[in-house]
């Protein structure tokens, strides 16, 4: 699949896909979900470091906790507002671990 085809399928600008691929931009969680949908893979598979193998096919890394896998399974079904709230909560928790 070309960048142009991926951008069209995901409903993104070609420049956005290009900048993400070149690591000149950090995609939002919603953008990642759109890319995963366009690639017809689960979001965890898009985020895994392993491009092949059973962990990739299963949509998760073997060292990922069940809680994180569950969260990754839920994310694509959330609307944009819910994803935004979840991301804000994650940022707060990251800044204040254990609180």
Protein backbone atom coordinates (compact mmCIF):
# COMPACT_ATOMS: atom_id res chain seq x y z
CA UNK A 1 0.00 0.00 0.00
CA UNK A 2 1.37 3.41 -0.89
CA UNK A 3 1.33 6.41 1.44
CA UNK A 4 -1.30 8.01 -0.78
CA UNK A 5 -3.54 4.93 -0.60
CA UNK A 6 -3.09 4.70 3.17
CA UNK A 7 -3.86 8.39 3.60
CA UNK A 8 -7.02 8.07 1.52
CA UNK A 9 -8.22 4.94 3.33
CA UNK A 10 -7.56 6.51 6.74
CA UNK A 11 -9.07 9.87 5.79
CA UNK A 12 -5.80 11.67 6.45
CA UNK A 13 -3.71 14.10 4.45
CA UNK A 14 -0.83 12.53 2.53
CA UNK A 15 1.54 14.98 4.26
CA UNK A 16 0.36 13.69 7.65
CA UNK A 17 1.09 10.07 6.76
CA UNK A 18 4.46 11.03 5.31
CA UNK A 19 5.47 13.03 8.40
CA UNK A 20 4.46 10.16 10.70
CA UNK A 21 6.40 7.62 8.67
CA UNK A 22 9.49 9.86 8.66
CA UNK A 23 9.10 10.41 12.41
CA UNK A 24 8.66 14.15 11.95
CA UNK A 25 5.24 14.05 13.63
CA UNK A 26 3.73 12.24 16.59
CA UNK A 27 0.29 10.90 15.72
CA UNK A 28 -2.62 11.19 18.11
CA UNK A 29 -4.29 8.07 19.38
CA UNK A 30 -7.22 8.76 17.07
CA UNK A 31 -4.88 9.02 14.07
CA UNK A 32 -3.26 5.73 15.04
CA UNK A 33 -6.69 4.12 15.28
CA UNK A 34 -7.58 5.44 11.81
CA UNK A 35 -4.31 4.11 10.37
CA UNK A 36 -4.89 0.71 11.96
CA UNK A 37 -8.39 0.62 10.52
CA UNK A 38 -7.12 1.51 7.05
CA UNK A 39 -4.50 -1.24 7.33
CA UNK A 40 -7.17 -3.65 8.60
CA UNK A 41 -5.19 -4.50 11.71
CA UNK A 42 -5.87 -4.00 15.40
CA UNK A 43 -4.34 -0.93 17.00
CA UNK A 44 -1.99 -2.98 19.22
CA UNK A 45 -0.53 -4.60 16.10
CA UNK A 46 0.27 -1.17 14.71
CA UNK A 47 2.12 -0.28 17.90
CA UNK A 48 4.12 -3.47 18.28
CA UNK A 49 7.82 -3.49 17.54
CA UNK A 50 7.54 -6.87 15.87
CA UNK A 51 6.48 -6.59 12.22
CA UNK A 52 5.94 -10.32 11.86
CA UNK A 53 5.30 -13.43 13.89
CA UNK A 54 2.60 -14.73 16.19
CA UNK A 55 2.57 -11.69 18.49
CA UNK A 56 1.92 -9.43 15.52
CA UNK A 57 -0.84 -11.69 14.21
CA UNK A 58 -2.47 -11.82 17.65
CA UNK A 59 -2.42 -8.01 17.84
CA UNK A 60 -0.27 -7.69 20.94
CA UNK A 61 3.24 -8.09 22.25
CA UNK A 62 3.76 -11.11 24.49
CA UNK A 63 5.16 -8.92 27.28
CA UNK A 64 2.10 -6.62 27.38
CA UNK A 65 -0.06 -7.00 30.46
CA UNK A 66 -3.66 -8.24 30.09
CA UNK A 67 -4.89 -4.85 31.31
CA UNK A 68 -3.03 -2.98 28.57
CA UNK A 69 -4.21 -5.45 25.92
CA UNK A 70 -7.81 -4.96 27.11
CA UNK A 71 -7.42 -1.19 26.91
CA UNK A 72 -5.97 -1.46 23.40
CA UNK A 73 -8.91 -3.65 22.37
CA UNK A 74 -11.39 -1.06 23.65
CA UNK A 75 -9.75 2.04 22.14
CA UNK A 76 -10.91 1.61 18.54
CA UNK A 77 -14.53 1.46 19.71
CA UNK A 78 -14.39 4.75 21.62
CA UNK A 79 -15.54 8.00 20.10
CA UNK A 80 -13.14 10.90 19.65
CA UNK A 81 -14.25 12.67 22.84
CA UNK A 82 -13.79 9.54 24.97
CA UNK A 83 -10.31 8.96 23.50
CA UNK A 84 -9.41 12.58 24.26
CA UNK A 85 -10.54 12.20 27.88
CA UNK A 86 -8.66 8.93 28.25
CA UNK A 87 -5.50 10.50 26.86
CA UNK A 88 -5.80 13.46 29.25
CA UNK A 89 -6.24 11.05 32.16
CA UNK A 90 -3.17 9.09 31.05
CA UNK A 91 -1.15 12.31 30.91
CA UNK A 92 -2.24 13.24 34.43
CA UNK A 93 -1.36 9.79 35.73
CA UNK A 94 2.01 9.95 34.02
CA UNK A 95 2.79 13.26 35.71
CA UNK A 96 1.59 12.04 39.12
CA UNK A 97 2.29 8.29 39.33
CA UNK A 98 0.71 6.51 42.26
CA UNK A 99 -1.79 9.27 43.04
